[in-house]
N, C-alpha and C. Protein backbone atom coordinates (compact mmCIF):
# COMPACT_ATOMS: atom_id res chain seq x y z
N MET A 1 53.14 137.03 272.78
CA MET A 1 53.16 135.79 272.03
C MET A 1 53.15 136.10 270.53
N ALA A 2 53.92 135.34 269.76
CA ALA A 2 54.04 135.56 268.32
C ALA A 2 52.79 135.08 267.58
N GLU A 3 52.43 135.84 266.56
CA GLU A 3 51.26 135.50 265.75
C GLU A 3 51.68 134.56 264.62
N LYS A 4 50.98 133.42 264.49
CA LYS A 4 51.29 132.47 263.43
C LYS A 4 50.60 132.91 262.15
N LEU A 5 51.37 133.05 261.09
CA LEU A 5 50.84 133.50 259.80
C LEU A 5 50.20 132.34 259.05
N LYS A 6 49.34 132.70 258.08
CA LYS A 6 48.65 131.69 257.28
C LYS A 6 49.64 130.97 256.36
N ARG A 7 49.41 129.67 256.22
CA ARG A 7 50.20 128.85 255.31
C ARG A 7 49.81 129.15 253.87
N ILE A 8 50.76 129.13 252.98
CA ILE A 8 50.48 129.29 251.55
C ILE A 8 50.07 127.91 251.04
N PRO A 9 48.91 127.80 250.40
CA PRO A 9 48.42 126.49 249.96
C PRO A 9 49.38 125.82 248.97
N ASN A 10 49.46 124.49 249.06
CA ASN A 10 50.33 123.73 248.16
C ASN A 10 49.87 123.82 246.70
N ASP A 11 48.58 124.02 246.50
CA ASP A 11 48.05 124.03 245.13
C ASP A 11 47.92 125.44 244.54
N LEU A 12 48.53 126.42 245.17
CA LEU A 12 48.42 127.81 244.70
C LEU A 12 48.92 127.97 243.26
N VAL A 13 50.11 127.45 242.98
CA VAL A 13 50.69 127.60 241.64
C VAL A 13 49.85 126.86 240.61
N SER A 14 49.40 125.66 240.95
CA SER A 14 48.55 124.89 240.02
C SER A 14 47.26 125.64 239.72
N TYR A 15 46.66 126.23 240.75
CA TYR A 15 45.43 126.99 240.58
C TYR A 15 45.65 128.14 239.60
N ILE A 16 46.75 128.88 239.77
CA ILE A 16 47.03 130.02 238.90
C ILE A 16 47.28 129.55 237.48
N GLN A 17 47.98 128.44 237.30
CA GLN A 17 48.25 127.92 235.96
C GLN A 17 46.95 127.52 235.26
N ILE A 18 46.05 126.87 235.97
CA ILE A 18 44.77 126.47 235.39
C ILE A 18 43.95 127.70 235.01
N GLU A 19 43.92 128.69 235.90
CA GLU A 19 43.17 129.91 235.60
C GLU A 19 43.78 130.67 234.42
N THR A 20 45.10 130.60 234.27
CA THR A 20 45.75 131.27 233.14
C THR A 20 45.28 130.68 231.82
N GLU A 21 45.10 129.38 231.77
CA GLU A 21 44.62 128.73 230.55
C GLU A 21 43.18 129.11 230.23
N ALA A 22 42.44 129.57 231.23
CA ALA A 22 41.03 129.92 231.04
C ALA A 22 40.81 131.41 230.81
N VAL A 23 41.87 132.19 230.64
CA VAL A 23 41.74 133.63 230.42
C VAL A 23 41.00 133.87 229.11
N LYS A 24 39.90 134.66 229.20
CA LYS A 24 39.09 134.94 228.01
C LYS A 24 39.19 136.38 227.55
N ASP A 25 39.40 137.30 228.50
CA ASP A 25 39.44 138.70 228.12
C ASP A 25 40.43 139.46 229.00
N ALA A 26 40.57 140.74 228.71
CA ALA A 26 41.53 141.57 229.44
C ALA A 26 41.17 141.66 230.93
N ASN A 27 39.89 141.60 231.25
CA ASN A 27 39.47 141.66 232.65
C ASN A 27 39.96 140.43 233.42
N ASP A 28 39.79 139.24 232.81
CA ASP A 28 40.29 138.01 233.44
C ASP A 28 41.80 138.11 233.67
N LYS A 29 42.49 138.62 232.67
CA LYS A 29 43.94 138.74 232.73
C LYS A 29 44.36 139.68 233.87
N MET A 30 43.66 140.80 233.99
CA MET A 30 43.98 141.78 235.02
C MET A 30 43.72 141.21 236.42
N ILE A 31 42.59 140.55 236.60
CA ILE A 31 42.24 139.98 237.90
C ILE A 31 43.26 138.92 238.32
N LEU A 32 43.63 138.04 237.40
CA LEU A 32 44.58 136.98 237.71
C LEU A 32 45.97 137.54 237.97
N SER A 33 46.35 138.56 237.22
CA SER A 33 47.64 139.21 237.43
C SER A 33 47.70 139.85 238.81
N SER A 34 46.64 140.55 239.18
CA SER A 34 46.56 141.20 240.48
C SER A 34 46.62 140.17 241.61
N TYR A 35 45.89 139.08 241.46
CA TYR A 35 45.88 138.01 242.46
C TYR A 35 47.28 137.43 242.64
N THR A 36 47.95 137.15 241.52
CA THR A 36 49.30 136.57 241.56
C THR A 36 50.29 137.52 242.20
N LEU A 37 50.22 138.79 241.84
CA LEU A 37 51.14 139.78 242.42
C LEU A 37 50.89 139.95 243.92
N GLY A 38 49.64 139.84 244.34
CA GLY A 38 49.32 139.91 245.76
C GLY A 38 49.95 138.75 246.52
N LYS A 39 49.87 137.56 245.96
CA LYS A 39 50.48 136.38 246.59
C LYS A 39 52.00 136.53 246.59
N LEU A 40 52.55 137.10 245.52
CA LEU A 40 54.00 137.32 245.44
C LEU A 40 54.45 138.29 246.51
N ASP A 41 53.67 139.35 246.75
CA ASP A 41 53.98 140.30 247.83
C ASP A 41 53.98 139.60 249.19
N MET A 42 53.01 138.71 249.39
CA MET A 42 52.93 137.99 250.65
C MET A 42 54.16 137.10 250.85
N VAL A 43 54.57 136.40 249.79
CA VAL A 43 55.75 135.53 249.86
C VAL A 43 56.99 136.36 250.16
N ASN A 44 57.13 137.50 249.48
CA ASN A 44 58.29 138.36 249.73
C ASN A 44 58.30 138.87 251.17
N TRP A 45 57.13 139.19 251.71
CA TRP A 45 57.04 139.64 253.10
C TRP A 45 57.45 138.53 254.05
N TYR A 46 57.00 137.31 253.79
CA TYR A 46 57.37 136.17 254.63
C TYR A 46 58.89 135.98 254.61
N ILE A 47 59.49 136.10 253.42
CA ILE A 47 60.95 135.95 253.30
C ILE A 47 61.66 137.02 254.12
N GLN A 48 61.18 138.25 254.04
CA GLN A 48 61.79 139.35 254.81
C GLN A 48 61.68 139.09 256.31
N LEU A 49 60.54 138.57 256.75
CA LEU A 49 60.36 138.26 258.18
C LEU A 49 61.39 137.23 258.64
N LEU A 50 61.62 136.22 257.78
CA LEU A 50 62.61 135.20 258.14
C LEU A 50 64.02 135.78 258.17
N GLU A 51 64.31 136.66 257.21
CA GLU A 51 65.66 137.24 257.11
C GLU A 51 66.00 138.12 258.32
N VAL A 52 65.01 138.87 258.82
CA VAL A 52 65.28 139.75 259.96
C VAL A 52 65.08 139.03 261.30
N GLY A 53 64.57 137.80 261.25
CA GLY A 53 64.36 137.04 262.48
C GLY A 53 63.25 137.62 263.35
N SER A 54 62.14 137.96 262.72
CA SER A 54 61.02 138.56 263.44
C SER A 54 60.53 137.68 264.58
N GLU A 55 60.36 138.29 265.74
CA GLU A 55 59.81 137.58 266.90
C GLU A 55 58.31 137.82 267.05
N LYS A 56 57.79 138.75 266.24
CA LYS A 56 56.37 139.08 266.30
C LYS A 56 55.52 138.08 265.51
N TYR A 57 56.09 137.49 264.46
CA TYR A 57 55.36 136.57 263.58
C TYR A 57 56.09 135.24 263.45
N VAL A 58 55.29 134.17 263.30
CA VAL A 58 55.84 132.84 263.03
C VAL A 58 55.47 132.50 261.60
N VAL A 59 56.50 132.33 260.75
CA VAL A 59 56.29 132.01 259.34
C VAL A 59 56.24 130.48 259.21
N PRO A 60 55.15 129.94 258.61
CA PRO A 60 54.98 128.48 258.56
C PRO A 60 55.73 127.80 257.41
N HIS A 61 56.71 128.44 256.85
CA HIS A 61 57.48 127.88 255.73
C HIS A 61 58.97 128.15 255.98
N THR A 62 59.80 127.37 255.30
CA THR A 62 61.23 127.65 255.35
C THR A 62 61.55 128.68 254.27
N LYS A 63 62.71 129.28 254.38
CA LYS A 63 63.12 130.28 253.39
C LYS A 63 63.23 129.64 252.01
N GLN A 64 63.75 128.42 251.95
CA GLN A 64 63.89 127.72 250.66
C GLN A 64 62.53 127.45 250.03
N GLN A 65 61.56 127.03 250.82
CA GLN A 65 60.21 126.80 250.30
C GLN A 65 59.63 128.09 249.72
N LEU A 66 59.82 129.18 250.45
CA LEU A 66 59.29 130.47 249.99
C LEU A 66 59.99 130.94 248.72
N GLN A 67 61.28 130.72 248.62
CA GLN A 67 62.00 131.10 247.40
C GLN A 67 61.52 130.28 246.21
N ASN A 68 61.22 129.01 246.43
CA ASN A 68 60.68 128.17 245.35
C ASN A 68 59.30 128.67 244.92
N ILE A 69 58.46 128.97 245.90
CA ILE A 69 57.12 129.49 245.60
C ILE A 69 57.24 130.80 244.83
N ARG A 70 58.16 131.67 245.26
CA ARG A 70 58.35 132.96 244.60
C ARG A 70 58.75 132.77 243.14
N SER A 71 59.68 131.86 242.87
CA SER A 71 60.11 131.66 241.48
C SER A 71 58.96 131.10 240.63
N HIS A 72 58.15 130.21 241.21
CA HIS A 72 56.99 129.67 240.48
C HIS A 72 55.95 130.76 240.21
N LEU A 73 55.71 131.62 241.20
CA LEU A 73 54.74 132.70 241.02
C LEU A 73 55.21 133.70 239.97
N MET A 74 56.51 133.98 239.94
CA MET A 74 57.03 134.90 238.93
C MET A 74 56.88 134.29 237.53
N ALA A 75 57.12 133.00 237.41
CA ALA A 75 56.92 132.32 236.13
C ALA A 75 55.45 132.34 235.74
N CYS A 76 54.56 132.15 236.71
CA CYS A 76 53.12 132.20 236.44
C CYS A 76 52.71 133.60 235.95
N HIS A 77 53.28 134.63 236.57
CA HIS A 77 52.93 135.99 236.16
C HIS A 77 53.38 136.25 234.73
N GLU A 78 54.53 135.74 234.36
CA GLU A 78 54.99 135.88 232.97
C GLU A 78 54.03 135.18 232.03
N MET A 79 53.54 133.98 232.43
CA MET A 79 52.56 133.25 231.61
C MET A 79 51.28 134.06 231.47
N ILE A 80 50.83 134.67 232.56
CA ILE A 80 49.60 135.46 232.52
C ILE A 80 49.76 136.63 231.56
N MET A 81 50.88 137.33 231.67
CA MET A 81 51.08 138.50 230.81
C MET A 81 51.25 138.10 229.35
N GLY A 82 51.70 136.89 229.10
CA GLY A 82 51.87 136.42 227.73
C GLY A 82 50.64 135.71 227.18
N ALA A 83 49.62 135.53 228.00
CA ALA A 83 48.42 134.82 227.57
C ALA A 83 47.72 135.61 226.46
N LYS A 84 47.38 134.91 225.41
CA LYS A 84 46.68 135.53 224.28
C LYS A 84 45.19 135.60 224.59
N ILE A 85 44.65 136.76 224.31
CA ILE A 85 43.21 136.95 224.51
C ILE A 85 42.53 136.70 223.17
N ILE A 86 41.59 135.78 223.19
CA ILE A 86 40.87 135.44 221.96
C ILE A 86 39.85 136.53 221.68
N ASN A 87 40.01 137.15 220.53
CA ASN A 87 39.08 138.19 220.12
C ASN A 87 38.05 137.56 219.19
N HIS A 88 36.83 137.45 219.67
CA HIS A 88 35.79 136.79 218.88
C HIS A 88 35.43 137.59 217.63
N ARG A 89 35.76 138.85 217.60
CA ARG A 89 35.48 139.67 216.43
C ARG A 89 36.32 139.24 215.24
N ASP A 90 37.51 138.71 215.50
CA ASP A 90 38.37 138.26 214.40
C ASP A 90 37.70 137.16 213.59
N ARG A 91 36.86 136.39 214.23
CA ARG A 91 36.16 135.31 213.53
C ARG A 91 35.08 135.86 212.60
N LEU A 92 34.59 137.04 212.88
CA LEU A 92 33.54 137.63 212.07
C LEU A 92 34.08 138.44 210.90
N ASP A 93 35.27 138.99 211.07
CA ASP A 93 35.86 139.78 210.01
C ASP A 93 36.44 138.86 208.94
N ILE A 94 35.85 138.93 207.77
CA ILE A 94 36.30 138.07 206.67
C ILE A 94 37.23 138.88 205.78
N LYS A 95 38.37 138.32 205.50
CA LYS A 95 39.36 138.98 204.65
C LYS A 95 39.08 138.59 203.19
N TYR A 96 38.53 139.53 202.44
CA TYR A 96 38.23 139.27 201.04
C TYR A 96 39.44 139.60 200.18
N PRO A 97 39.64 138.89 199.08
CA PRO A 97 40.77 139.18 198.20
C PRO A 97 40.58 140.53 197.50
N LYS A 98 41.69 141.15 197.08
CA LYS A 98 41.62 142.44 196.38
C LYS A 98 40.84 142.26 195.09
N GLY A 99 40.04 143.25 194.80
CA GLY A 99 39.25 143.22 193.57
C GLY A 99 37.92 142.52 193.72
N TYR A 100 37.66 141.94 194.87
CA TYR A 100 36.39 141.26 195.08
C TYR A 100 35.32 142.30 195.33
N GLU A 101 34.28 142.28 194.56
CA GLU A 101 33.25 143.31 194.64
C GLU A 101 31.95 142.77 195.24
N GLY A 102 31.98 141.65 195.97
CA GLY A 102 30.82 140.96 196.50
C GLY A 102 29.90 141.83 197.21
């Protein structure tokens, strides 16, 4: 009997987008990037199973749905990698004008 695979949640992309806006440091960025790439690997695996017509697994999505999810996840990963990390030290470093002897 074929094993039914887990469904990819409908709110996965929204969740990643919200978390991307909340990135505070390099650690947050790395964790979110890793999570997104893991989901992308899963989507790619599901697509491959559909393409070869696997009888061992039942994929709960259509190929078109998976391709849409993949394109959204790739866009999310680009957003994650482009997310600016706020360096709180920049707020403490005061740029004094030349010649200031304070």
